[in-house]
Amino acid sequence: MSKHTLAVLVENSPGVLARVASLFSRRAYNIDSLAVGPTENPDISRMTIVLNLEGHVLEQVMAQLYKLVNVIAISEMPAETTIQRELLLVKVAPGADRGEVLTMVKRFQAKVVDEDDGVLTIESTADSDLIEGLLVALTPFGIKELVQSGLVALERGTAALSDRTLSAQGISTVHDIGKTQADYQN
């Protein structure tokens, strides 16, 4: 199996996330990471979905996603041509090893965003490998709590998924998507 990152533009309407998630659930495919948020157009949201699938299964998944009425566009986001990042917030209680933890934080280009009663809250925004390396390095100091976002990705350079796909489909990029398309699945 290989890891694939998909960027999916969807209408910003209730129930879209549930429909997309249920598509994967019905086919027993696991989502490694899912991040959803608004785009530059308030009528459109962007999902970044990370999957571990074989090539032909990925094509089937993309075809099934396209069948959902609220899905506007799908693009695979290969690591070589995109910028991919995750956010990590982690609490550690280093005790006497505080200086060692601070050195590690600096080495992994992270930062301490809070310190209270000997507990350090560390923030890191980086690629998945660096985040994983930081977690491995902090484990001996006692991770008290952590939260990690899903992966987000953008194409390098001037390429914009919304410009490329919306205009190719004849959909206006001027905030009127919600006014012109009916939500047939509600």
N, C-alpha and C. Protein backbone atom coordinates (compact mmCIF):
# COMPACT_ATOMS: atom_id res chain seq x y z
N MET A 1 0.85 -1.18 0.00
CA MET A 1 0.00 0.00 0.00
C MET A 1 0.88 1.23 0.00
N SER A 2 0.35 2.31 -0.55
CA SER A 2 1.10 3.56 -0.56
C SER A 2 0.20 4.70 -0.11
N LYS A 3 0.83 5.72 0.44
CA LYS A 3 0.11 6.86 0.99
C LYS A 3 -0.22 7.86 -0.11
N HIS A 4 -1.47 8.31 -0.13
CA HIS A 4 -1.94 9.28 -1.11
C HIS A 4 -2.63 10.42 -0.38
N THR A 5 -2.37 11.65 -0.83
CA THR A 5 -3.02 12.82 -0.28
C THR A 5 -3.94 13.40 -1.34
N LEU A 6 -5.22 13.54 -0.97
CA LEU A 6 -6.21 14.11 -1.89
C LEU A 6 -6.68 15.46 -1.37
N ALA A 7 -6.79 16.43 -2.26
CA ALA A 7 -7.44 17.69 -1.95
C ALA A 7 -8.81 17.63 -2.61
N VAL A 8 -9.85 17.83 -1.83
CA VAL A 8 -11.21 17.72 -2.33
C VAL A 8 -11.95 19.03 -2.04
N LEU A 9 -12.38 19.71 -3.09
CA LEU A 9 -13.19 20.91 -2.93
C LEU A 9 -14.65 20.48 -2.88
N VAL A 10 -15.36 20.95 -1.86
CA VAL A 10 -16.77 20.59 -1.69
C VAL A 10 -17.58 21.84 -1.40
N GLU A 11 -18.89 21.74 -1.65
CA GLU A 11 -19.77 22.83 -1.26
C GLU A 11 -19.75 22.94 0.25
N ASN A 12 -19.77 24.15 0.75
CA ASN A 12 -19.80 24.38 2.18
C ASN A 12 -21.25 24.32 2.64
N SER A 13 -21.75 23.10 2.85
CA SER A 13 -23.13 22.91 3.26
C SER A 13 -23.21 21.78 4.28
N PRO A 14 -24.26 21.76 5.09
CA PRO A 14 -24.39 20.74 6.12
C PRO A 14 -24.44 19.33 5.53
N GLY A 15 -23.79 18.40 6.19
CA GLY A 15 -23.86 17.01 5.80
C GLY A 15 -22.82 16.53 4.82
N VAL A 16 -22.05 17.43 4.24
CA VAL A 16 -21.07 17.02 3.22
C VAL A 16 -19.98 16.14 3.85
N LEU A 17 -19.46 16.55 4.98
CA LEU A 17 -18.42 15.76 5.64
C LEU A 17 -18.94 14.36 5.98
N ALA A 18 -20.15 14.27 6.47
CA ALA A 18 -20.73 12.97 6.81
C ALA A 18 -20.86 12.09 5.58
N ARG A 19 -21.26 12.66 4.45
CA ARG A 19 -21.40 11.87 3.23
C ARG A 19 -20.05 11.37 2.73
N VAL A 20 -19.05 12.22 2.79
CA VAL A 20 -17.71 11.80 2.35
C VAL A 20 -17.16 10.72 3.28
N ALA A 21 -17.29 10.93 4.58
CA ALA A 21 -16.79 9.94 5.54
C ALA A 21 -17.53 8.61 5.40
N SER A 22 -18.83 8.66 5.17
CA SER A 22 -19.58 7.41 5.04
C SER A 22 -19.20 6.65 3.77
N LEU A 23 -18.78 7.36 2.74
CA LEU A 23 -18.31 6.70 1.52
C LEU A 23 -17.12 5.79 1.86
N PHE A 24 -16.19 6.29 2.67
CA PHE A 24 -15.03 5.49 3.06
C PHE A 24 -15.44 4.37 4.01
N SER A 25 -16.33 4.67 4.91
CA SER A 25 -16.80 3.68 5.89
C SER A 25 -17.49 2.50 5.20
N ARG A 26 -18.36 2.78 4.25
CA ARG A 26 -19.10 1.73 3.55
C ARG A 26 -18.16 0.78 2.81
N ARG A 27 -17.03 1.28 2.36
CA ARG A 27 -16.09 0.46 1.60
C ARG A 27 -14.95 -0.07 2.47
N ALA A 28 -15.03 0.20 3.77
CA ALA A 28 -14.03 -0.27 4.75
C ALA A 28 -12.63 0.24 4.44
N TYR A 29 -12.51 1.48 3.95
CA TYR A 29 -11.21 2.11 3.74
C TYR A 29 -10.93 3.01 4.92
N ASN A 30 -9.71 2.95 5.42
CA ASN A 30 -9.33 3.77 6.55
C ASN A 30 -8.77 5.11 6.09
N ILE A 31 -9.20 6.17 6.73
CA ILE A 31 -8.65 7.50 6.48
C ILE A 31 -7.53 7.72 7.49
N ASP A 32 -6.30 7.92 7.02
CA ASP A 32 -5.17 8.17 7.92
C ASP A 32 -5.26 9.56 8.54
N SER A 33 -5.71 10.52 7.75
CA SER A 33 -5.78 11.90 8.21
C SER A 33 -6.86 12.63 7.43
N LEU A 34 -7.58 13.50 8.12
CA LEU A 34 -8.64 14.29 7.48
C LEU A 34 -8.62 15.69 8.08
N ALA A 35 -8.44 16.68 7.24
CA ALA A 35 -8.49 18.07 7.67
C ALA A 35 -9.49 18.80 6.77
N VAL A 36 -10.38 19.56 7.38
CA VAL A 36 -11.41 20.27 6.63
C VAL A 36 -11.42 21.72 7.08
N GLY A 37 -11.54 22.62 6.13
CA GLY A 37 -11.60 24.02 6.49
C GLY A 37 -12.10 24.86 5.33
N PRO A 38 -12.38 26.13 5.62
CA PRO A 38 -12.87 27.02 4.58
C PRO A 38 -11.78 27.35 3.57
N THR A 39 -12.19 27.84 2.42
CA THR A 39 -11.25 28.31 1.40
C THR A 39 -11.41 29.81 1.26
N GLU A 40 -10.78 30.37 0.23
CA GLU A 40 -10.91 31.80 -0.04
C GLU A 40 -12.33 32.16 -0.45
N ASN A 41 -13.12 31.17 -0.83
CA ASN A 41 -14.52 31.37 -1.20
C ASN A 41 -15.38 30.78 -0.07
N PRO A 42 -16.20 31.58 0.60
CA PRO A 42 -16.97 31.08 1.75
C PRO A 42 -18.00 30.01 1.38
N ASP A 43 -18.29 29.82 0.11
CA ASP A 43 -19.24 28.80 -0.31
C ASP A 43 -18.57 27.44 -0.55
N ILE A 44 -17.24 27.39 -0.43
CA ILE A 44 -16.49 26.17 -0.72
C ILE A 44 -15.59 25.83 0.47
N SER A 45 -15.56 24.55 0.83
CA SER A 45 -14.62 24.05 1.83
C SER A 45 -13.63 23.13 1.13
N ARG A 46 -12.50 22.95 1.78
CA ARG A 46 -11.46 22.08 1.23
C ARG A 46 -11.16 20.97 2.23
N MET A 47 -11.22 19.75 1.76
CA MET A 47 -10.85 18.60 2.57
C MET A 47 -9.49 18.10 2.09
N THR A 48 -8.61 17.82 3.03
CA THR A 48 -7.35 17.16 2.70
C THR A 48 -7.44 15.79 3.35
N ILE A 49 -7.44 14.76 2.52
CA ILE A 49 -7.63 13.39 2.99
C ILE A 49 -6.38 12.59 2.66
N VAL A 50 -5.82 11.93 3.68
CA VAL A 50 -4.65 11.08 3.49
C VAL A 50 -5.11 9.63 3.64
N LEU A 51 -4.81 8.82 2.61
CA LEU A 51 -5.23 7.43 2.55
C LEU A 51 -4.05 6.52 2.26
N ASN A 52 -4.11 5.29 2.72
CA ASN A 52 -3.14 4.26 2.37
C ASN A 52 -3.84 3.26 1.48
N LEU A 53 -3.67 3.38 0.18
CA LEU A 53 -4.38 2.55 -0.79
C LEU A 53 -3.48 2.17 -1.95
N GLU A 54 -3.86 1.13 -2.65
CA GLU A 54 -3.21 0.77 -3.91
C GLU A 54 -3.74 1.67 -5.01
N GLY A 55 -3.03 1.78 -6.11
CA GLY A 55 -3.38 2.67 -7.22
C GLY A 55 -4.77 2.48 -7.77
N HIS A 56 -5.17 1.25 -8.08
CA HIS A 56 -6.49 1.04 -8.68
C HIS A 56 -7.61 1.34 -7.69
N VAL A 57 -7.37 1.08 -6.41
CA VAL A 57 -8.38 1.39 -5.39
C VAL A 57 -8.52 2.90 -5.25
N LEU A 58 -7.41 3.62 -5.35
CA LEU A 58 -7.46 5.08 -5.29
C LEU A 58 -8.32 5.62 -6.42
N GLU A 59 -8.16 5.08 -7.61
CA GLU A 59 -8.99 5.52 -8.74
C GLU A 59 -10.47 5.27 -8.48
N GLN A 60 -10.79 4.14 -7.87
CA GLN A 60 -12.18 3.83 -7.53
C GLN A 60 -12.72 4.82 -6.49
N VAL A 61 -11.90 5.12 -5.49
CA VAL A 61 -12.31 6.07 -4.44
C VAL A 61 -12.58 7.44 -5.06
N MET A 62 -11.69 7.89 -5.92
CA MET A 62 -11.87 9.19 -6.56
C MET A 62 -13.14 9.20 -7.42
N ALA A 63 -13.40 8.12 -8.13
CA ALA A 63 -14.61 8.04 -8.96
C ALA A 63 -15.86 8.08 -8.08
N GLN A 64 -15.82 7.39 -6.95
CA GLN A 64 -16.97 7.41 -6.04
C GLN A 64 -17.17 8.79 -5.41
N LEU A 65 -16.07 9.46 -5.07
CA LEU A 65 -16.17 10.82 -4.53
C LEU A 65 -16.81 11.76 -5.54
N TYR A 66 -16.40 11.64 -6.80
CA TYR A 66 -16.96 12.50 -7.85
C TYR A 66 -18.46 12.32 -8.01
N LYS A 67 -18.98 11.15 -7.64
CA LYS A 67 -20.41 10.90 -7.76
C LYS A 67 -21.23 11.66 -6.72
N LEU A 68 -20.59 12.09 -5.63
CA LEU A 68 -21.31 12.85 -4.61
C LEU A 68 -21.61 14.23 -5.15
N VAL A 69 -22.86 14.65 -5.05
CA VAL A 69 -23.31 15.92 -5.63
C VAL A 69 -22.51 17.11 -5.10
N ASN A 70 -22.17 17.11 -3.84
CA ASN A 70 -21.52 18.26 -3.23
C ASN A 70 -20.02 18.35 -3.52
N VAL A 71 -19.44 17.35 -4.16
CA VAL A 71 -18.02 17.37 -4.48
C VAL A 71 -17.82 18.15 -5.77
N ILE A 72 -16.97 19.15 -5.71
CA ILE A 72 -16.72 20.03 -6.86
C ILE A 72 -15.48 19.58 -7.63
N ALA A 73 -14.40 19.24 -6.90
CA ALA A 73 -13.15 18.88 -7.56
C ALA A 73 -12.31 18.02 -6.65
N ILE A 74 -11.48 17.18 -7.25
CA ILE A 74 -10.55 16.32 -6.52
C ILE A 74 -9.21 16.39 -7.22
N SER A 75 -8.15 16.48 -6.43
CA SER A 75 -6.81 16.47 -7.00
C SER A 75 -5.89 15.71 -6.06
N GLU A 76 -5.05 14.83 -6.63
CA GLU A 76 -4.04 14.18 -5.81
C GLU A 76 -2.92 15.18 -5.59
N MET A 77 -2.37 15.19 -4.38
CA MET A 77 -1.34 16.15 -4.00
C MET A 77 -0.03 15.41 -3.70
N PRO A 78 0.77 15.11 -4.73
CA PRO A 78 2.03 14.40 -4.50
C PRO A 78 3.01 15.25 -3.70
N ALA A 79 3.74 14.63 -2.81
CA ALA A 79 4.66 15.34 -1.92
C ALA A 79 5.71 16.14 -2.70
N GLU A 80 6.09 15.65 -3.88
CA GLU A 80 7.15 16.33 -4.65
C GLU A 80 6.72 17.70 -5.17
N THR A 81 5.43 17.90 -5.39
CA THR A 81 4.97 19.15 -5.99
C THR A 81 4.09 19.98 -5.05
N THR A 82 4.07 19.60 -3.78
CA THR A 82 3.22 20.33 -2.83
C THR A 82 3.98 20.65 -1.56
N ILE A 83 3.44 21.57 -0.82
CA ILE A 83 3.91 21.87 0.53
C ILE A 83 2.91 21.23 1.47
N GLN A 84 3.38 20.32 2.34
CA GLN A 84 2.50 19.59 3.24
C GLN A 84 2.94 19.83 4.68
N ARG A 85 1.96 20.14 5.53
CA ARG A 85 2.26 20.45 6.93
C ARG A 85 1.20 19.86 7.85
N GLU A 86 1.63 19.63 9.11
CA GLU A 86 0.75 19.25 10.20
C GLU A 86 1.04 20.16 11.37
N LEU A 87 0.09 20.25 12.28
CA LEU A 87 0.28 21.02 13.51
C LEU A 87 0.25 20.05 14.67
N LEU A 88 1.20 20.22 15.60
CA LEU A 88 1.27 19.40 16.80
C LEU A 88 1.33 20.32 18.01
N LEU A 89 0.50 20.04 19.00
CA LEU A 89 0.61 20.65 20.33
C LEU A 89 0.83 19.49 21.30
N VAL A 90 1.88 19.58 22.11
CA VAL A 90 2.21 18.48 23.01
C VAL A 90 2.65 19.05 24.36
N LYS A 91 2.18 18.41 25.45
CA LYS A 91 2.58 18.79 26.81
C LYS A 91 3.56 17.76 27.35
N VAL A 92 4.68 18.24 27.86
CA VAL A 92 5.64 17.38 28.53
C VAL A 92 5.99 17.97 29.88
N ALA A 93 6.34 17.09 30.83
CA ALA A 93 6.78 17.52 32.15
C ALA A 93 8.22 17.04 32.33
N PRO A 94 9.18 17.82 31.84
CA PRO A 94 10.56 17.34 31.78
C PRO A 94 11.29 17.29 33.12
N GLY A 95 10.78 17.95 34.16
CA GLY A 95 11.47 17.96 35.45
C GLY A 95 12.85 18.58 35.31
N ALA A 96 13.85 17.84 35.79
CA ALA A 96 15.23 18.35 35.78
C ALA A 96 15.82 18.41 34.37
N ASP A 97 15.17 17.77 33.41
CA ASP A 97 15.69 17.75 32.04
C ASP A 97 15.14 18.89 31.18
N ARG A 98 14.67 19.96 31.80
CA ARG A 98 14.06 21.07 31.07
C ARG A 98 14.98 21.61 29.98
N GLY A 99 16.24 21.84 30.31
CA GLY A 99 17.21 22.36 29.34
C GLY A 99 17.38 21.44 28.15
N GLU A 100 17.38 20.14 28.40
CA GLU A 100 17.51 19.16 27.33
C GLU A 100 16.29 19.21 26.39
N VAL A 101 15.11 19.37 26.99
CA VAL A 101 13.89 19.47 26.18
C VAL A 101 13.91 20.74 25.35
N LEU A 102 14.33 21.85 25.94
CA LEU A 102 14.40 23.11 25.20
C LEU A 102 15.38 23.03 24.04
N THR A 103 16.48 22.33 24.22
CA THR A 103 17.43 22.12 23.13
C THR A 103 16.79 21.30 22.01
N MET A 104 16.05 20.29 22.40
CA MET A 104 15.36 19.45 21.42
C MET A 104 14.30 20.24 20.66
N VAL A 105 13.57 21.08 21.39
CA VAL A 105 12.54 21.92 20.77
C VAL A 105 13.19 22.79 19.70
N LYS A 106 14.31 23.38 20.02
CA LYS A 106 15.01 24.23 19.06
C LYS A 106 15.51 23.42 17.86
N ARG A 107 16.06 22.23 18.12
CA ARG A 107 16.59 21.39 17.05
C ARG A 107 15.49 20.98 16.06
N PHE A 108 14.27 20.80 16.55
CA PHE A 108 13.15 20.40 15.68
C PHE A 108 12.35 21.60 15.18
N GLN A 109 12.89 22.80 15.36
CA GLN A 109 12.26 24.04 14.90
C GLN A 109 10.84 24.21 15.45
N ALA A 110 10.65 23.78 16.68
CA ALA A 110 9.37 23.94 17.37
C ALA A 110 9.51 25.12 18.33
N LYS A 111 8.47 25.37 19.12
CA LYS A 111 8.57 26.45 20.11
C LYS A 111 7.69 26.11 21.32
N VAL A 112 8.11 26.64 22.45
CA VAL A 112 7.32 26.50 23.68
C VAL A 112 6.30 27.62 23.67
N VAL A 113 5.02 27.26 23.76
CA VAL A 113 3.95 28.26 23.73
C VAL A 113 3.31 28.49 25.09
N ASP A 114 3.63 27.62 26.06
CA ASP A 114 3.11 27.79 27.42
C ASP A 114 3.97 26.99 28.38
N GLU A 115 4.11 27.55 29.59
CA GLU A 115 4.82 26.85 30.66
C GLU A 115 4.08 27.14 31.95
N ASP A 116 3.67 26.06 32.63
CA ASP A 116 2.91 26.21 33.87
C ASP A 116 3.21 25.02 34.77
N ASP A 117 3.63 25.28 35.98
CA ASP A 117 3.93 24.22 36.97
C ASP A 117 4.86 23.15 36.42
N GLY A 118 5.87 23.56 35.68
CA GLY A 118 6.85 22.62 35.16
C GLY A 118 6.40 21.85 33.93
N VAL A 119 5.22 22.14 33.43
CA VAL A 119 4.73 21.48 32.23
C VAL A 119 4.94 22.43 31.05
N LEU A 120 5.62 21.95 30.02
CA LEU A 120 5.86 22.73 28.82
C LEU A 120 4.86 22.32 27.74
N THR A 121 4.22 23.30 27.11
CA THR A 121 3.39 23.03 25.95
C THR A 121 4.18 23.47 24.74
N ILE A 122 4.40 22.53 23.84
CA ILE A 122 5.26 22.75 22.68
C ILE A 122 4.40 22.72 21.42
N GLU A 123 4.68 23.64 20.51
CA GLU A 123 3.98 23.71 19.23
C GLU A 123 4.97 23.45 18.12
N SER A 124 4.55 22.64 17.16
CA SER A 124 5.37 22.41 15.97
C SER A 124 4.46 22.38 14.75
N THR A 125 4.83 23.14 13.74
CA THR A 125 4.18 23.08 12.44
C THR A 125 5.25 22.63 11.47
N ALA A 126 5.08 21.43 10.93
CA ALA A 126 6.14 20.86 10.10
C ALA A 126 5.58 19.74 9.24
N ASP A 127 6.46 19.14 8.43
CA ASP A 127 6.02 17.97 7.67
C ASP A 127 5.87 16.78 8.62
N SER A 128 5.22 15.76 8.16
CA SER A 128 4.88 14.61 9.00
C SER A 128 6.10 13.93 9.60
N ASP A 129 7.18 13.82 8.84
CA ASP A 129 8.39 13.16 9.34
C ASP A 129 9.01 13.92 10.51
N LEU A 130 9.05 15.25 10.41
CA LEU A 130 9.62 16.06 11.49
C LEU A 130 8.74 15.99 12.73
N ILE A 131 7.44 16.01 12.55
CA ILE A 131 6.50 15.89 13.69
C ILE A 131 6.73 14.54 14.39
N GLU A 132 6.82 13.48 13.60
CA GLU A 132 7.04 12.14 14.17
C GLU A 132 8.37 12.07 14.90
N GLY A 133 9.42 12.68 14.33
CA GLY A 133 10.72 12.71 14.98
C GLY A 133 10.69 13.45 16.31
N LEU A 134 9.98 14.56 16.35
CA LEU A 134 9.84 15.31 17.59
C LEU A 134 9.13 14.48 18.65
N LEU A 135 8.07 13.81 18.27
CA LEU A 135 7.34 12.97 19.23
C LEU A 135 8.21 11.84 19.78
N VAL A 136 8.97 11.21 18.90
CA VAL A 136 9.88 10.14 19.35
C VAL A 136 10.91 10.72 20.33
N ALA A 137 11.46 11.89 20.03
CA ALA A 137 12.47 12.51 20.88
C ALA A 137 11.89 12.95 22.23
N LEU A 138 10.62 13.35 22.26
CA LEU A 138 10.01 13.81 23.51
C LEU A 138 9.47 12.67 24.38
N THR A 139 9.26 11.52 23.81
CA THR A 139 8.67 10.39 24.55
C THR A 139 9.41 10.06 25.86
N PRO A 140 10.74 10.03 25.88
CA PRO A 140 11.43 9.71 27.15
C PRO A 140 11.18 10.72 28.27
N PHE A 141 10.73 11.92 27.92
CA PHE A 141 10.50 12.95 28.94
C PHE A 141 9.08 12.91 29.50
N GLY A 142 8.26 12.04 28.97
CA GLY A 142 6.90 11.88 29.49
C GLY A 142 5.90 12.80 28.83
N ILE A 143 5.31 12.35 27.77
CA ILE A 143 4.26 13.13 27.11
C ILE A 143 2.99 13.01 27.94
N LYS A 144 2.48 14.13 28.40
CA LYS A 144 1.27 14.14 29.22
C LYS A 144 0.01 14.18 28.36
N GLU A 145 0.09 14.91 27.26
CA GLU A 145 -1.07 15.05 26.38
C GLU A 145 -0.57 15.57 25.03
N LEU A 146 -1.28 15.18 23.97
CA LEU A 146 -0.94 15.74 22.67
C LEU A 146 -2.17 15.79 21.78
N VAL A 147 -2.13 16.71 20.86
CA VAL A 147 -3.15 16.81 19.82
C VAL A 147 -2.41 17.13 18.53
N GLN A 148 -2.84 16.45 17.46
CA GLN A 148 -2.17 16.59 16.18
C GLN A 148 -3.23 16.79 15.10
N SER A 149 -3.02 17.80 14.28
CA SER A 149 -3.98 18.06 13.20
C SER A 149 -3.76 17.07 12.07
N GLY A 150 -4.69 17.05 11.17
CA GLY A 150 -4.49 16.29 9.94
C GLY A 150 -3.57 17.07 9.02
N LEU A 151 -3.07 16.40 8.04
CA LEU A 151 -2.18 16.99 7.05
C LEU A 151 -2.95 17.99 6.18
N VAL A 152 -2.34 19.10 5.88
CA VAL A 152 -2.87 20.03 4.88
C VAL A 152 -1.81 20.21 3.81
N ALA A 153 -2.24 20.49 2.58
CA ALA A 153 -1.29 20.58 1.47
C ALA A 153 -1.74 21.62 0.45
N LEU A 154 -0.78 22.32 -0.11
CA LEU A 154 -1.00 23.26 -1.21
C LEU A 154 0.02 22.99 -2.30
N GLU A 155 -0.39 23.16 -3.55
CA GLU A 155 0.55 23.03 -4.65
C GLU A 155 1.58 24.16 -4.59
N ARG A 156 2.78 23.87 -5.00
CA ARG A 156 3.83 24.90 -5.03
C ARG A 156 3.55 25.88 -6.16
N GLY A 157 4.09 27.09 -6.03
CA GLY A 157 4.00 28.08 -7.09
C GLY A 157 2.66 28.76 -7.19
N THR A 158 2.33 29.19 -8.39
CA THR A 158 1.11 29.97 -8.60
C THR A 158 -0.13 29.12 -8.83
N ALA A 159 0.05 27.81 -8.97
CA ALA A 159 -1.09 26.92 -9.22
C ALA A 159 -2.08 26.99 -8.06
N ALA A 160 -3.36 27.08 -8.39
CA ALA A 160 -4.42 27.09 -7.37
C ALA A 160 -5.50 26.10 -7.80
N LEU A 161 -5.76 25.14 -6.95
CA LEU A 161 -6.74 24.11 -7.27
C LEU A 161 -8.10 24.71 -7.60
N SER A 162 -8.53 25.68 -6.83
CA SER A 162 -9.86 26.26 -7.06
C SER A 162 -9.94 26.96 -8.41
N ASP A 163 -8.93 27.73 -8.78
CA ASP A 163 -8.95 28.42 -10.08
C ASP A 163 -8.96 27.42 -11.23
N ARG A 164 -8.11 26.42 -11.12
CA ARG A 164 -7.96 25.43 -12.18
C ARG A 164 -9.23 24.60 -12.36
N THR A 165 -9.81 24.14 -11.29
CA THR A 165 -10.94 23.21 -11.41
C THR A 165 -12.28 23.90 -11.54
N LEU A 166 -12.49 24.99 -10.83
CA LEU A 166 -13.79 25.65 -10.90
C LEU A 166 -14.03 26.25 -12.27
N SER A 167 -13.03 26.91 -12.83
CA SER A 167 -13.23 27.51 -14.15
C SER A 167 -13.35 26.43 -15.22
N ALA A 168 -12.64 25.31 -15.07
CA ALA A 168 -12.73 24.21 -16.04
C ALA A 168 -14.12 23.58 -16.02
N GLN A 169 -14.79 23.63 -14.88
CA GLN A 169 -16.14 23.06 -14.77
C GLN A 169 -17.22 24.10 -15.05
N GLY A 170 -16.82 25.32 -15.35
CA GLY A 170 -17.79 26.37 -15.64
C GLY A 170 -18.48 26.89 -14.40
N ILE A 171 -17.87 26.71 -13.23
CA ILE A 171 -18.45 27.19 -11.98
C ILE A 171 -17.82 28.53 -11.67
N SER A 172 -18.64 29.49 -11.35
CA SER A 172 -18.14 30.82 -11.03
C SER A 172 -17.32 30.78 -9.75
N THR A 173 -16.23 31.50 -9.77
CA THR A 173 -15.41 31.59 -8.56
C THR A 173 -15.80 32.81 -7.74
N VAL A 174 -16.87 33.49 -8.14
CA VAL A 174 -17.33 34.68 -7.42
C VAL A 174 -18.44 34.28 -6.48
N HIS A 175 -18.18 33.90 -5.31
CA HIS A 175 -19.05 33.58 -4.17
C HIS A 175 -20.53 33.36 -4.46
N ASP A 176 -20.88 32.68 -5.54
CA ASP A 176 -22.30 32.42 -5.80
C ASP A 176 -22.62 30.94 -5.97
N ILE A 177 -21.70 30.09 -5.57
CA ILE A 177 -21.92 28.65 -5.74
C ILE A 177 -23.14 28.18 -4.97
N GLY A 178 -23.28 28.60 -3.73
CA GLY A 178 -24.41 28.17 -2.92
C GLY A 178 -25.74 28.68 -3.45
N LYS A 179 -25.74 29.74 -4.25
CA LYS A 179 -26.97 30.32 -4.77
C LYS A 179 -27.44 29.65 -6.06
N THR A 180 -26.50 28.97 -6.76
CA THR A 180 -26.87 28.43 -8.08
C THR A 180 -27.02 26.93 -8.11
N GLN A 181 -26.48 26.21 -7.15
CA GLN A 181 -26.56 24.77 -7.20
C GLN A 181 -27.44 24.25 -6.05
N ALA A 182 -28.33 23.37 -6.36
CA ALA A 182 -29.18 22.77 -5.34
C ALA A 182 -28.42 21.62 -4.67
N ASP A 183 -28.73 21.41 -3.43
CA ASP A 183 -28.15 20.30 -2.69
C ASP A 183 -29.12 19.13 -2.80
N TYR A 184 -28.89 18.25 -3.76
CA TYR A 184 -29.84 17.19 -4.07
C TYR A 184 -29.80 16.03 -3.07
N GLN A 185 -28.83 16.03 -2.17
CA GLN A 185 -28.73 14.89 -1.26
C GLN A 185 -29.37 15.17 0.09
N ASN A 186 -29.88 16.33 0.32
CA ASN A 186 -30.51 16.62 1.61
C ASN A 186 -31.98 16.32 1.57
